[in-house]
All heavy atoms as atom14 arrays in JSON, in Angstrom:
{
  "sequence": "PDTDVTFARVAAVTLQPDNRDPSILLTVFVRATRPDSS",
  "atom14_mask": [
    [1, 1, 1, 1, 1, 1, 1, 0, 0, 0, 0, 0, 0, 0],
    [1, 1, 1, 1, 1, 1, 1, 1, 0, 0, 0, 0, 0, 0],
    [1, 1, 1, 1, 1, 1, 1, 0, 0, 0, 0, 0, 0, 0],
    [1, 1, 1, 1, 1, 1, 1, 1, 0, 0, 0, 0, 0, 0],
    [1, 1, 1, 1, 1, 1, 1, 0, 0, 0, 0, 0, 0, 0],
    [1, 1, 1, 1, 1, 1, 1, 0, 0, 0, 0, 0, 0, 0],
    [1, 1, 1, 1, 1, 1, 1, 1, 1, 1, 1, 0, 0, 0],
    [1, 1, 1, 1, 1, 0, 0, 0, 0, 0, 0, 0, 0, 0],
    [1, 1, 1, 1, 1, 1, 1, 1, 1, 1, 1, 0, 0, 0],
    [1, 1, 1, 1, 1, 1, 1, 0, 0, 0, 0, 0, 0, 0],
    [1, 1, 1, 1, 1, 0, 0, 0, 0, 0, 0, 0, 0, 0],
    [1, 1, 1, 1, 1, 0, 0, 0, 0, 0, 0, 0, 0, 0],
    [1, 1, 1, 1, 1, 1, 1, 0, 0, 0, 0, 0, 0, 0],
    [1, 1, 1, 1, 1, 1, 1, 0, 0, 0, 0, 0, 0, 0],
    [1, 1, 1, 1, 1, 1, 1, 1, 0, 0, 0, 0, 0, 0],
    [1, 1, 1, 1, 1, 1, 1, 1, 1, 0, 0, 0, 0, 0],
    [1, 1, 1, 1, 1, 1, 1, 0, 0, 0, 0, 0, 0, 0],
    [1, 1, 1, 1, 1, 1, 1, 1, 0, 0, 0, 0, 0, 0],
    [1, 1, 1, 1, 1, 1, 1, 1, 0, 0, 0, 0, 0, 0],
    [1, 1, 1, 1, 1, 1, 1, 1, 1, 1, 1, 0, 0, 0],
    [1, 1, 1, 1, 1, 1, 1, 1, 0, 0, 0, 0, 0, 0],
    [1, 1, 1, 1, 1, 1, 1, 0, 0, 0, 0, 0, 0, 0],
    [1, 1, 1, 1, 1, 1, 0, 0, 0, 0, 0, 0, 0, 0],
    [1, 1, 1, 1, 1, 1, 1, 1, 0, 0, 0, 0, 0, 0],
    [1, 1, 1, 1, 1, 1, 1, 1, 0, 0, 0, 0, 0, 0],
    [1, 1, 1, 1, 1, 1, 1, 1, 0, 0, 0, 0, 0, 0],
    [1, 1, 1, 1, 1, 1, 1, 0, 0, 0, 0, 0, 0, 0],
    [1, 1, 1, 1, 1, 1, 1, 0, 0, 0, 0, 0, 0, 0],
    [1, 1, 1, 1, 1, 1, 1, 1, 1, 1, 1, 0, 0, 0],
    [1, 1, 1, 1, 1, 1, 1, 0, 0, 0, 0, 0, 0, 0],
    [1, 1, 1, 1, 1, 1, 1, 1, 1, 1, 1, 0, 0, 0],
    [1, 1, 1, 1, 1, 0, 0, 0, 0, 0, 0, 0, 0, 0],
    [1, 1, 1, 1, 1, 1, 1, 0, 0, 0, 0, 0, 0, 0],
    [1, 1, 1, 1, 1, 1, 1, 1, 1, 1, 1, 0, 0, 0],
    [1, 1, 1, 1, 1, 1, 1, 0, 0, 0, 0, 0, 0, 0],
    [1, 1, 1, 1, 1, 1, 1, 1, 0, 0, 0, 0, 0, 0],
    [1, 1, 1, 1, 1, 1, 0, 0, 0, 0, 0, 0, 0, 0],
    [1, 1, 1, 1, 1, 1, 0, 0, 0, 0, 0, 0, 0, 0]
  ],
  "atom14_positions": [
    [[6.44, 2.93, -14.11], [6.06, 4.33, -14.36], [4.56, 4.55, -14.17], [3.75, 3.71, -14.57], [6.44, 4.56, -15.82], [7.28, 3.4, -16.23], [7.02, 2.29, -15.28], [0.0, 0.0, 0.0], [0.0, 0.0, 0.0], [0.0, 0.0, 0.0], [0.0, 0.0, 0.0], [0.0, 0.0, 0.0], [0.0, 0.0, 0.0], [0.0, 0.0, 0.0]],
    [[4.22, 5.65, -13.54], [2.81, 6.01, -13.39], [2.28, 6.48, -14.74], [3.01, 7.09, -15.53], [2.65, 7.15, -12.38], [3.04, 6.74, -10.97], [2.99, 5.54, -10.66], [3.39, 7.63, -10.18], [0.0, 0.0, 0.0], [0.0, 0.0, 0.0], [0.0, 0.0, 0.0], [0.0, 0.0, 0.0], [0.0, 0.0, 0.0], [0.0, 0.0, 0.0]],
    [[1.01, 6.22, -14.97], [0.33, 6.74, -16.15], [-0.96, 7.42, -15.67], [-1.22, 7.46, -14.46], [-0.03, 5.63, -17.16], [-1.07, 4.8, -16.6], [1.2, 4.78, -17.5], [0.0, 0.0, 0.0], [0.0, 0.0, 0.0], [0.0, 0.0, 0.0], [0.0, 0.0, 0.0], [0.0, 0.0, 0.0], [0.0, 0.0, 0.0], [0.0, 0.0, 0.0]],
    [[-1.75, 7.9, -16.59], [-3.04, 8.49, -16.22], [-4.01, 7.47, -15.64], [-4.99, 7.83, -15.01], [-3.7, 9.15, -17.44], [-3.04, 10.45, -17.82], [-2.26, 11.01, -17.01], [-3.3, 10.93, -18.95], [0.0, 0.0, 0.0], [0.0, 0.0, 0.0], [0.0, 0.0, 0.0], [0.0, 0.0, 0.0], [0.0, 0.0, 0.0], [0.0, 0.0, 0.0]],
    [[-3.73, 6.18, -15.87], [-4.66, 5.14, -15.44], [-4.03, 4.02, -14.62], [-4.73, 3.09, -14.2], [-5.41, 4.54, -16.65], [-6.29, 5.59, -17.32], [-4.45, 3.93, -17.65], [0.0, 0.0, 0.0], [0.0, 0.0, 0.0], [0.0, 0.0, 0.0], [0.0, 0.0, 0.0], [0.0, 0.0, 0.0], [0.0, 0.0, 0.0], [0.0, 0.0, 0.0]],
    [[-2.73, 4.07, -14.35], [-2.07, 3.04, -13.54], [-1.12, 3.66, -12.52], [-0.48, 4.68, -12.79], [-1.28, 2.03, -14.4], [-0.25, 2.74, -15.1], [-2.18, 1.29, -15.37], [0.0, 0.0, 0.0], [0.0, 0.0, 0.0], [0.0, 0.0, 0.0], [0.0, 0.0, 0.0], [0.0, 0.0, 0.0], [0.0, 0.0, 0.0], [0.0, 0.0, 0.0]],
    [[-1.04, 3.02, -11.37], [-0.21, 3.49, -10.26], [0.2, 2.25, -9.47], [-0.64, 1.4, -9.16], [-1.05, 4.43, -9.37], [-0.38, 4.88, -8.11], [0.43, 6.0, -8.1], [-0.6, 4.21, -6.91], [1.02, 6.45, -6.92], [-0.02, 4.65, -5.73], [0.79, 5.77, -5.74], [0.0, 0.0, 0.0], [0.0, 0.0, 0.0], [0.0, 0.0, 0.0]],
    [[1.47, 2.12, -9.14], [1.95, 0.97, -8.37], [3.03, 1.43, -7.4], [3.9, 2.22, -7.77], [2.5, -0.1, -9.29], [0.0, 0.0, 0.0], [0.0, 0.0, 0.0], [0.0, 0.0, 0.0], [0.0, 0.0, 0.0], [0.0, 0.0, 0.0], [0.0, 0.0, 0.0], [0.0, 0.0, 0.0], [0.0, 0.0, 0.0], [0.0, 0.0, 0.0]],
    [[2.95, 0.94, -6.17], [3.93, 1.28, -5.15], [4.11, 0.1, -4.2], [3.27, -0.78, -4.09], [3.48, 2.48, -4.31], [3.42, 3.81, -5.02], [4.8, 4.31, -5.42], [4.76, 5.65, -5.97], [4.41, 5.96, -7.21], [4.05, 5.02, -8.06], [4.42, 7.22, -7.62], [0.0, 0.0, 0.0], [0.0, 0.0, 0.0], [0.0, 0.0, 0.0]],
    [[5.21, 0.19, -3.47], [5.46, -0.72, -2.36], [5.15, 0.06, -1.09], [5.63, 1.18, -0.91], [6.93, -1.21, -2.35], [7.2, -2.06, -1.12], [7.24, -1.97, -3.62], [0.0, 0.0, 0.0], [0.0, 0.0, 0.0], [0.0, 0.0, 0.0], [0.0, 0.0, 0.0], [0.0, 0.0, 0.0], [0.0, 0.0, 0.0], [0.0, 0.0, 0.0]],
    [[4.34, -0.54, -0.23], [3.98, 0.11, 1.04], [4.64, -0.64, 2.19], [4.6, -1.87, 2.24], [2.47, 0.11, 1.22], [0.0, 0.0, 0.0], [0.0, 0.0, 0.0], [0.0, 0.0, 0.0], [0.0, 0.0, 0.0], [0.0, 0.0, 0.0], [0.0, 0.0, 0.0], [0.0, 0.0, 0.0], [0.0, 0.0, 0.0], [0.0, 0.0, 0.0]],
    [[5.23, 0.12, 3.09], [5.72, -0.43, 4.35], [4.59, -0.28, 5.35], [4.14, 0.84, 5.63], [6.95, 0.33, 4.81], [0.0, 0.0, 0.0], [0.0, 0.0, 0.0], [0.0, 0.0, 0.0], [0.0, 0.0, 0.0], [0.0, 0.0, 0.0], [0.0, 0.0, 0.0], [0.0, 0.0, 0.0], [0.0, 0.0, 0.0], [0.0, 0.0, 0.0]],
    [[4.09, -1.4, 5.84], [2.93, -1.4, 6.72], [3.34, -1.91, 8.11], [4.01, -2.94, 8.22], [1.8, -2.28, 6.15], [0.57, -2.25, 7.06], [1.43, -1.84, 4.75], [0.0, 0.0, 0.0], [0.0, 0.0, 0.0], [0.0, 0.0, 0.0], [0.0, 0.0, 0.0], [0.0, 0.0, 0.0], [0.0, 0.0, 0.0], [0.0, 0.0, 0.0]],
    [[2.94, -1.17, 9.12], [3.18, -1.58, 10.5], [1.84, -1.86, 11.16], [0.96, -0.98, 11.17], [3.92, -0.47, 11.28], [5.14, -0.16, 10.62], [4.2, -0.91, 12.71], [0.0, 0.0, 0.0], [0.0, 0.0, 0.0], [0.0, 0.0, 0.0], [0.0, 0.0, 0.0], [0.0, 0.0, 0.0], [0.0, 0.0, 0.0], [0.0, 0.0, 0.0]],
    [[1.7, -3.07, 11.68], [0.52, -3.44, 12.45], [0.9, -3.33, 13.92], [1.81, -4.03, 14.38], [0.07, -4.87, 12.14], [-0.15, -5.23, 10.68], [-0.64, -6.67, 10.55], [-1.13, -4.29, 10.03], [0.0, 0.0, 0.0], [0.0, 0.0, 0.0], [0.0, 0.0, 0.0], [0.0, 0.0, 0.0], [0.0, 0.0, 0.0], [0.0, 0.0, 0.0]],
    [[0.24, -2.44, 14.64], [0.59, -2.21, 16.04], [-0.59, -2.59, 16.94], [-1.57, -1.85, 17.03], [0.96, -0.74, 16.26], [1.39, -0.46, 17.69], [2.61, -1.29, 18.09], [3.65, -1.17, 17.48], [2.45, -2.12, 19.11], [0.0, 0.0, 0.0], [0.0, 0.0, 0.0], [0.0, 0.0, 0.0], [0.0, 0.0, 0.0], [0.0, 0.0, 0.0]],
    [[-0.48, -3.75, 17.6], [-1.51, -4.1, 18.59], [-1.48, -3.11, 19.74], [-0.42, -2.6, 20.1], [-1.09, -5.5, 19.06], [-0.17, -6.01, 18.0], [0.51, -4.8, 17.43], [0.0, 0.0, 0.0], [0.0, 0.0, 0.0], [0.0, 0.0, 0.0], [0.0, 0.0, 0.0], [0.0, 0.0, 0.0], [0.0, 0.0, 0.0], [0.0, 0.0, 0.0]],
    [[-2.65, -2.82, 20.32], [-2.68, -1.83, 21.4], [-2.41, -2.45, 22.78], [-2.71, -1.86, 23.8], [-3.99, -1.02, 21.38], [-5.22, -1.85, 21.67], [-5.1, -3.07, 21.93], [-6.32, -1.28, 21.63], [0.0, 0.0, 0.0], [0.0, 0.0, 0.0], [0.0, 0.0, 0.0], [0.0, 0.0, 0.0], [0.0, 0.0, 0.0], [0.0, 0.0, 0.0]],
    [[-1.79, -3.62, 22.78], [-1.3, -4.18, 24.03], [0.23, -4.21, 23.94], [0.82, -3.43, 23.19], [-1.89, -5.57, 24.29], [-1.47, -6.59, 23.25], [-0.78, -6.28, 22.28], [-1.88, -7.83, 23.46], [0.0, 0.0, 0.0], [0.0, 0.0, 0.0], [0.0, 0.0, 0.0], [0.0, 0.0, 0.0], [0.0, 0.0, 0.0], [0.0, 0.0, 0.0]],
    [[0.87, -5.1, 24.63], [2.33, -5.14, 24.62], [2.89, -6.07, 23.54], [4.09, -6.31, 23.5], [2.85, -5.55, 25.99], [2.54, -4.49, 27.02], [3.04, -4.94, 28.38], [2.58, -4.01, 29.37], [3.37, -3.29, 30.13], [4.67, -3.38, 30.01], [2.87, -2.47, 31.02], [0.0, 0.0, 0.0], [0.0, 0.0, 0.0], [0.0, 0.0, 0.0]],
    [[2.06, -6.59, 22.69], [2.56, -7.44, 21.6], [3.45, -6.61, 20.68], [3.22, -5.42, 20.48], [1.4, -8.02, 20.77], [0.67, -9.15, 21.49], [1.08, -9.51, 22.62], [-0.31, -9.65, 20.93], [0.0, 0.0, 0.0], [0.0, 0.0, 0.0], [0.0, 0.0, 0.0], [0.0, 0.0, 0.0], [0.0, 0.0, 0.0], [0.0, 0.0, 0.0]],
    [[4.47, -7.25, 20.1], [5.35, -6.51, 19.2], [4.63, -6.14, 17.9], [3.66, -6.78, 17.49], [6.49, -7.49, 18.94], [5.93, -8.84, 19.24], [4.87, -8.65, 20.28], [0.0, 0.0, 0.0], [0.0, 0.0, 0.0], [0.0, 0.0, 0.0], [0.0, 0.0, 0.0], [0.0, 0.0, 0.0], [0.0, 0.0, 0.0], [0.0, 0.0, 0.0]],
    [[5.15, -5.11, 17.27], [4.62, -4.7, 15.96], [4.88, -5.79, 14.94], [5.83, -6.55, 15.04], [5.31, -3.42, 15.49], [5.05, -2.37, 16.37], [0.0, 0.0, 0.0], [0.0, 0.0, 0.0], [0.0, 0.0, 0.0], [0.0, 0.0, 0.0], [0.0, 0.0, 0.0], [0.0, 0.0, 0.0], [0.0, 0.0, 0.0], [0.0, 0.0, 0.0]],
    [[4.03, -5.82, 13.94], [4.2, -6.73, 12.81], [4.48, -5.87, 11.6], [3.7, -4.95, 11.3], [2.94, -7.59, 12.61], [2.67, -8.42, 13.87], [3.09, -8.48, 11.37], [1.29, -9.06, 13.88], [0.0, 0.0, 0.0], [0.0, 0.0, 0.0], [0.0, 0.0, 0.0], [0.0, 0.0, 0.0], [0.0, 0.0, 0.0], [0.0, 0.0, 0.0]],
    [[5.57, -6.13, 10.92], [5.95, -5.34, 9.74], [5.62, -6.13, 8.48], [5.96, -7.32, 8.38], [7.43, -4.99, 9.79], [7.89, -4.27, 11.06], [9.4, -4.05, 11.02], [7.15, -2.95, 11.23], [0.0, 0.0, 0.0], [0.0, 0.0, 0.0], [0.0, 0.0, 0.0], [0.0, 0.0, 0.0], [0.0, 0.0, 0.0], [0.0, 0.0, 0.0]],
    [[4.99, -5.46, 7.53], [4.63, -6.08, 6.26], [5.12, -5.21, 5.1], [5.18, -3.99, 5.21], [3.11, -6.2, 6.12], [2.35, -6.96, 7.2], [0.84, -6.82, 6.97], [2.75, -8.42, 7.21], [0.0, 0.0, 0.0], [0.0, 0.0, 0.0], [0.0, 0.0, 0.0], [0.0, 0.0, 0.0], [0.0, 0.0, 0.0], [0.0, 0.0, 0.0]],
    [[5.44, -5.87, 4.02], [5.71, -5.18, 2.76], [4.56, -5.53, 1.83], [4.29, -6.7, 1.58], [7.05, -5.64, 2.15], [8.09, -5.36, 3.09], [7.32, -4.94, 0.83], [0.0, 0.0, 0.0], [0.0, 0.0, 0.0], [0.0, 0.0, 0.0], [0.0, 0.0, 0.0], [0.0, 0.0, 0.0], [0.0, 0.0, 0.0], [0.0, 0.0, 0.0]],
    [[3.87, -4.51, 1.36], [2.67, -4.72, 0.55], [2.83, -4.04, -0.8], [3.13, -2.84, -0.85], [1.41, -4.18, 1.26], [0.17, -4.39, 0.4], [1.24, -4.82, 2.63], [0.0, 0.0, 0.0], [0.0, 0.0, 0.0], [0.0, 0.0, 0.0], [0.0, 0.0, 0.0], [0.0, 0.0, 0.0], [0.0, 0.0, 0.0], [0.0, 0.0, 0.0]],
    [[2.66, -4.8, -1.85], [2.62, -4.22, -3.19], [1.18, -3.82, -3.45], [0.26, -4.63, -3.31], [3.1, -5.23, -4.24], [4.56, -5.55, -4.12], [4.98, -6.65, -3.39], [5.51, -4.74, -4.72], [6.33, -6.94, -3.26], [6.86, -5.01, -4.58], [7.27, -6.11, -3.86], [0.0, 0.0, 0.0], [0.0, 0.0, 0.0], [0.0, 0.0, 0.0]],
    [[0.98, -2.57, -3.81], [-0.38, -2.06, -4.05], [-0.43, -1.41, -5.43], [0.47, -0.67, -5.82], [-0.81, -1.08, -2.93], [0.13, 0.1, -2.81], [-2.23, -0.59, -3.13], [0.0, 0.0, 0.0], [0.0, 0.0, 0.0], [0.0, 0.0, 0.0], [0.0, 0.0, 0.0], [0.0, 0.0, 0.0], [0.0, 0.0, 0.0], [0.0, 0.0, 0.0]],
    [[-1.48, -1.74, -6.16], [-1.71, -1.13, -7.47], [-3.09, -0.49, -7.46], [-4.03, -1.02, -6.89], [-1.64, -2.19, -8.58], [-0.23, -2.61, -8.9], [-0.15, -3.46, -10.17], [-0.93, -4.68, -10.13], [-0.5, -5.84, -9.65], [0.7, -5.93, -9.13], [-1.27, -6.91, -9.67], [0.0, 0.0, 0.0], [0.0, 0.0, 0.0], [0.0, 0.0, 0.0]],
    [[-3.17, 0.66, -8.13], [-4.44, 1.35, -8.3], [-4.62, 1.63, -9.79], [-3.65, 1.88, -10.51], [-4.48, 2.64, -7.49], [0.0, 0.0, 0.0], [0.0, 0.0, 0.0], [0.0, 0.0, 0.0], [0.0, 0.0, 0.0], [0.0, 0.0, 0.0], [0.0, 0.0, 0.0], [0.0, 0.0, 0.0], [0.0, 0.0, 0.0], [0.0, 0.0, 0.0]],
    [[-5.86, 1.6, -10.22], [-6.17, 1.84, -11.62], [-7.46, 2.65, -11.73], [-8.19, 2.81, -10.75], [-6.37, 0.51, -12.4], [-7.41, -0.25, -11.78], [-5.09, -0.31, -12.43], [0.0, 0.0, 0.0], [0.0, 0.0, 0.0], [0.0, 0.0, 0.0], [0.0, 0.0, 0.0], [0.0, 0.0, 0.0], [0.0, 0.0, 0.0], [0.0, 0.0, 0.0]],
    [[-7.7, 3.12, -12.93], [-8.97, 3.76, -13.28], [-9.11, 3.68, -14.79], [-8.11, 3.63, -15.51], [-9.03, 5.2, -12.77], [-7.94, 6.11, -13.3], [-8.02, 7.45, -12.63], [-6.97, 8.36, -13.1], [-6.91, 9.63, -12.77], [-7.84, 10.15, -11.99], [-5.93, 10.4, -13.21], [0.0, 0.0, 0.0], [0.0, 0.0, 0.0], [0.0, 0.0, 0.0]],
    [[-10.33, 3.66, -15.29], [-10.53, 3.53, -16.73], [-10.04, 4.74, -17.53], [-9.57, 4.6, -18.65], [-12.03, 3.34, -16.91], [-12.64, 3.44, -15.57], [-11.58, 3.63, -14.55], [0.0, 0.0, 0.0], [0.0, 0.0, 0.0], [0.0, 0.0, 0.0], [0.0, 0.0, 0.0], [0.0, 0.0, 0.0], [0.0, 0.0, 0.0], [0.0, 0.0, 0.0]],
    [[-10.16, 5.93, -16.95], [-9.66, 7.15, -17.59], [-9.51, 8.22, -16.52], [-9.92, 8.03, -15.38], [-10.56, 7.61, -18.74], [-11.96, 7.98, -18.3], [-12.11, 8.95, -17.52], [-12.93, 7.31, -18.72], [0.0, 0.0, 0.0], [0.0, 0.0, 0.0], [0.0, 0.0, 0.0], [0.0, 0.0, 0.0], [0.0, 0.0, 0.0], [0.0, 0.0, 0.0]],
    [[-8.94, 9.35, -16.88], [-8.59, 10.37, -15.89], [-9.79, 11.13, -15.32], [-9.63, 11.93, -14.41], [-7.58, 11.35, -16.47], [-8.13, 12.01, -17.59], [0.0, 0.0, 0.0], [0.0, 0.0, 0.0], [0.0, 0.0, 0.0], [0.0, 0.0, 0.0], [0.0, 0.0, 0.0], [0.0, 0.0, 0.0], [0.0, 0.0, 0.0], [0.0, 0.0, 0.0]],
    [[-10.99, 10.86, -15.81], [-12.16, 11.54, -15.26], [-12.78, 10.75, -14.09], [-13.71, 11.21, -13.46], [-13.22, 11.75, -16.35], [-13.78, 10.51, -16.73], [0.0, 0.0, 0.0], [0.0, 0.0, 0.0], [0.0, 0.0, 0.0], [0.0, 0.0, 0.0], [0.0, 0.0, 0.0], [0.0, 0.0, 0.0], [0.0, 0.0, 0.0], [0.0, 0.0, 0.0]]
  ]
}
């Protein structure tokens, strides 16, 4: 659950080289925080 000071999600990340190499798919867990809502 999100709170005023914590946030967590799963991100689907695609790395796309600008040549003919195939994309690389990643699953990234990301958390964000802050000491208070200000």
